[in-house]
Amino acid sequence: MADERIPGINPAAAPSGEGCAQCLAGDGPGWWLHLRRCAECGQVGCCDSSPSQHGTRHARESGHPFLASFEPGESWLWNVETEEYYDGPELSGPAAHPGSQPTPGPAGRVPEDWRDHLH
């Protein structure tokens, strides 16, 4: 049986948490619009519309090119190197942040003028 592993995608890697690890650790303004998950190591980061863009930054700095949505109801993979969507294996759960977490999030950290801070 052939190894069907796609370089840069590790279906067994669990998400690093329920929100952007760097935002929660105090790197940047501390909030996000949407979340992305590294398909190689599971690092959860914020999307490119978010003020800090930690998801893509992680992908570029780590050499892990594939990001997956970490939003409820979304199941896609994006390659930051080719700037294309890909079909791939299902990643280990959970597939999204908790539905109780607001978007943008996390609760209590999003400024009233959050739309003015998006990219």
C-alpha atoms as a PDB file:
ATOM      1  CA  MET A   1       0.000   0.000   0.000  1.00  0.00           C
ATOM      2  CA  ALA A   2       1.401   3.381  -0.999  1.00  0.00           C
ATOM      3  CA  ASP A   3       1.996   6.133   1.571  1.00  0.00           C
ATOM      4  CA  GLU A   4      -0.611   8.756   0.769  1.00  0.00           C
ATOM      5  CA  ARG A   5       0.739  11.327   3.218  1.00  0.00           C
ATOM      6  CA  ILE A   6       0.877  14.808   1.743  1.00  0.00           C
ATOM      7  CA  PRO A   7       4.065  16.636   2.762  1.00  0.00           C
ATOM      8  CA  GLY A   8       3.040  19.455   5.089  1.00  0.00           C
ATOM      9  CA  ILE A   9      -0.147  17.771   6.318  1.00  0.00           C
ATOM     10  CA  ASN A  10      -0.188  15.595   9.439  1.00  0.00           C
ATOM     11  CA  PRO A  11      -3.766  14.403  10.088  1.00  0.00           C
ATOM     12  CA  ALA A  12      -2.797  13.222  13.600  1.00  0.00           C
ATOM     13  CA  ALA A  13      -1.630  16.636  14.865  1.00  0.00           C
ATOM     14  CA  ALA A  14      -4.166  17.998  17.346  1.00  0.00           C
ATOM     15  CA  PRO A  15      -5.018  21.717  17.494  1.00  0.00           C
ATOM     16  CA  SER A  16      -2.842  23.675  19.914  1.00  0.00           C
ATOM     17  CA  GLY A  17      -5.872  25.173  21.655  1.00  0.00           C
ATOM     18  CA  GLU A  18      -9.206  26.921  21.204  1.00  0.00           C
ATOM     19  CA  GLY A  19      -7.774  30.242  19.992  1.00  0.00           C
ATOM     20  CA  CYS A  20      -4.719  31.926  18.511  1.00  0.00           C
ATOM     21  CA  ALA A  21      -1.834  30.907  20.747  1.00  0.00           C
ATOM     22  CA  GLN A  22       0.169  34.077  20.102  1.00  0.00           C
ATOM     23  CA  CYS A  23      -2.768  36.453  20.618  1.00  0.00           C
ATOM     24  CA  LEU A  24      -3.661  34.723  23.876  1.00  0.00           C
ATOM     25  CA  ALA A  25      -0.013  34.943  24.982  1.00  0.00           C
ATOM     26  CA  GLY A  26      -0.002  38.710  24.466  1.00  0.00           C
ATOM     27  CA  ASP A  27       1.678  38.975  21.048  1.00  0.00           C
ATOM     28  CA  GLY A  28      -0.281  41.795  19.434  1.00  0.00           C
ATOM     29  CA  PRO A  29      -3.658  43.223  20.332  1.00  0.00           C
ATOM     30  CA  GLY A  30      -4.885  39.885  21.684  1.00  0.00           C
ATOM     31  CA  TRP A  31      -7.924  39.261  19.484  1.00  0.00           C
ATOM     32  CA  TRP A  32      -8.749  37.787  16.077  1.00  0.00           C
ATOM     33  CA  LEU A  33     -11.397  37.754  13.375  1.00  0.00           C
ATOM     34  CA  HIS A  34     -11.107  34.109  12.276  1.00  0.00           C
ATOM     35  CA  LEU A  35      -8.833  31.234  13.201  1.00  0.00           C
ATOM     36  CA  ARG A  36      -6.533  29.048  11.115  1.00  0.00           C
ATOM     37  CA  ARG A  37      -4.833  25.808  12.063  1.00  0.00           C
ATOM     38  CA  CYS A  38      -1.474  24.563  10.836  1.00  0.00           C
ATOM     39  CA  ALA A  39      -2.118  21.270   9.057  1.00  0.00           C
ATOM     40  CA  GLU A  40       1.374  20.015   9.948  1.00  0.00           C
ATOM     41  CA  CYS A  41       1.715  20.719  13.690  1.00  0.00           C
ATOM     42  CA  GLY A  42      -1.744  21.937  14.804  1.00  0.00           C
ATOM     43  CA  GLN A  43      -0.676  25.473  15.824  1.00  0.00           C
ATOM     44  CA  VAL A  44      -3.799  27.656  15.933  1.00  0.00           C
ATOM     45  CA  GLY A  45      -3.284  31.201  14.679  1.00  0.00           C
ATOM     46  CA  CYS A  46      -5.363  34.144  13.536  1.00  0.00           C
ATOM     47  CA  CYS A  47      -6.328  34.775   9.895  1.00  0.00           C
ATOM     48  CA  ASP A  48      -4.853  37.299   7.486  1.00  0.00           C
ATOM     49  CA  SER A  49      -7.737  39.723   8.094  1.00  0.00           C
ATOM     50  CA  SER A  50      -6.888  39.769  11.811  1.00  0.00           C
ATOM     51  CA  PRO A  51      -4.548  42.493  13.093  1.00  0.00           C
ATOM     52  CA  SER A  52      -1.620  40.145  13.814  1.00  0.00           C
ATOM     53  CA  GLN A  53      -1.953  37.530  11.039  1.00  0.00           C
ATOM     54  CA  HIS A  54      -0.291  34.844  13.170  1.00  0.00           C
ATOM     55  CA  GLY A  55      -1.513  31.882  11.085  1.00  0.00           C
ATOM     56  CA  THR A  56       0.322  32.815   7.905  1.00  0.00           C
ATOM     57  CA  ARG A  57       3.319  34.081   9.872  1.00  0.00           C
ATOM     58  CA  HIS A  58       3.624  30.638  11.501  1.00  0.00           C
ATOM     59  CA  ALA A  59       3.315  28.899   8.125  1.00  0.00           C
ATOM     60  CA  ARG A  60       6.071  30.992   6.553  1.00  0.00           C
ATOM     61  CA  GLU A  61       8.459  30.923   9.537  1.00  0.00           C
ATOM     62  CA  SER A  62       8.046  27.201  10.251  1.00  0.00           C
ATOM     63  CA  GLY A  63       7.985  25.983   6.663  1.00  0.00           C
ATOM     64  CA  HIS A  64       4.566  24.388   7.267  1.00  0.00           C
ATOM     65  CA  PRO A  65       2.721  25.548   4.120  1.00  0.00           C
ATOM     66  CA  PHE A  66      -0.809  24.258   4.738  1.00  0.00           C
ATOM     67  CA  LEU A  67      -3.391  26.074   6.849  1.00  0.00           C
ATOM     68  CA  ALA A  68      -6.862  24.747   7.562  1.00  0.00           C
ATOM     69  CA  SER A  69      -9.862  26.747   8.661  1.00  0.00           C
ATOM     70  CA  PHE A  70     -10.547  26.449  12.390  1.00  0.00           C
ATOM     71  CA  GLU A  71     -14.032  27.924  12.036  1.00  0.00           C
ATOM     72  CA  PRO A  72     -17.283  26.012  12.597  1.00  0.00           C
ATOM     73  CA  GLY A  73     -18.770  24.724   9.339  1.00  0.00           C
ATOM     74  CA  GLU A  74     -15.619  25.271   7.249  1.00  0.00           C
ATOM     75  CA  SER A  75     -13.359  22.485   5.974  1.00  0.00           C
ATOM     76  CA  TRP A  76     -10.686  23.700   3.574  1.00  0.00           C
ATOM     77  CA  LEU A  77      -6.906  23.679   3.240  1.00  0.00           C
ATOM     78  CA  TRP A  78      -4.899  26.625   1.908  1.00  0.00           C
ATOM     79  CA  ASN A  79      -1.283  26.472   0.804  1.00  0.00           C
ATOM     80  CA  VAL A  80       0.471  29.759   1.641  1.00  0.00           C
ATOM     81  CA  GLU A  81       3.288  28.981  -0.818  1.00  0.00           C
ATOM     82  CA  THR A  82       1.129  28.320  -3.886  1.00  0.00           C
ATOM     83  CA  GLU A  83      -1.837  30.463  -2.746  1.00  0.00           C
ATOM     84  CA  GLU A  84      -4.247  27.692  -3.724  1.00  0.00           C
ATOM     85  CA  TYR A  85      -6.940  25.667  -2.005  1.00  0.00           C
ATOM     86  CA  TYR A  86      -6.328  21.918  -1.713  1.00  0.00           C
ATOM     87  CA  ASP A  87      -8.272  18.786  -0.953  1.00  0.00           C
ATOM     88  CA  GLY A  88      -6.681  16.722   1.744  1.00  0.00           C
ATOM     89  CA  PRO A  89      -7.273  14.320   4.565  1.00  0.00           C
ATOM     90  CA  GLU A  90      -9.528  15.063   7.503  1.00  0.00           C
ATOM     91  CA  LEU A  91      -7.532  16.457  10.414  1.00  0.00           C
ATOM     92  CA  SER A  92      -7.891  15.219  13.976  1.00  0.00           C
ATOM     93  CA  GLY A  93     -10.521  16.974  16.042  1.00  0.00           C
ATOM     94  CA  PRO A  94     -11.764  19.255  17.091  1.00  0.00           C
ATOM     95  CA  ALA A  95     -12.212  20.746  13.623  1.00  0.00           C
ATOM     96  CA  ALA A  96     -13.083  24.225  14.920  1.00  0.00           C
ATOM     97  CA  HIS A  97     -13.018  26.487  17.934  1.00  0.00           C
ATOM     98  CA  PRO A  98     -15.957  26.053  20.317  1.00  0.00           C
ATOM     99  CA  GLY A  99     -19.248  27.349  18.958  1.00  0.00           C
ATOM    100  CA  SER A 100     -19.671  29.329  22.179  1.00  0.00           C
ATOM    101  CA  GLN A 101     -16.629  31.455  21.304  1.00  0.00           C
ATOM    102  CA  PRO A 102     -17.667  34.630  19.480  1.00  0.00           C
ATOM    103  CA  THR A 103     -16.352  35.771  16.124  1.00  0.00           C
ATOM    104  CA  PRO A 104     -14.363  37.929  16.363  1.00  0.00           C
ATOM    105  CA  GLY A 105     -12.922  36.638  19.615  1.00  0.00           C
ATOM    106  CA  PRO A 106     -12.105  35.912  22.271  1.00  0.00           C
ATOM    107  CA  ALA A 107     -14.881  37.402  24.364  1.00  0.00           C
ATOM    108  CA  GLY A 108     -13.810  40.422  26.354  1.00  0.00           C
ATOM    109  CA  ARG A 109     -10.776  41.286  24.217  1.00  0.00           C
ATOM    110  CA  VAL A 110     -12.339  42.588  21.008  1.00  0.00           C
ATOM    111  CA  PRO A 111     -12.469  46.404  20.775  1.00  0.00           C
ATOM    112  CA  GLU A 112     -15.712  48.113  19.784  1.00  0.00           C
ATOM    113  CA  ASP A 113     -14.026  49.508  16.672  1.00  0.00           C
ATOM    114  CA  TRP A 114     -12.637  46.096  15.627  1.00  0.00           C
ATOM    115  CA  ARG A 115     -13.668  46.566  11.976  1.00  0.00           C
ATOM    116  CA  ASP A 116     -11.254  49.511  11.743  1.00  0.00           C
ATOM    117  CA  HIS A 117      -8.337  47.199  12.603  1.00  0.00           C
ATOM    118  CA  LEU A 118      -8.856  44.503   9.958  1.00  0.00           C
ATOM    119  CA  HIS A 119      -6.522  43.954   7.004  1.00  0.00           C
END
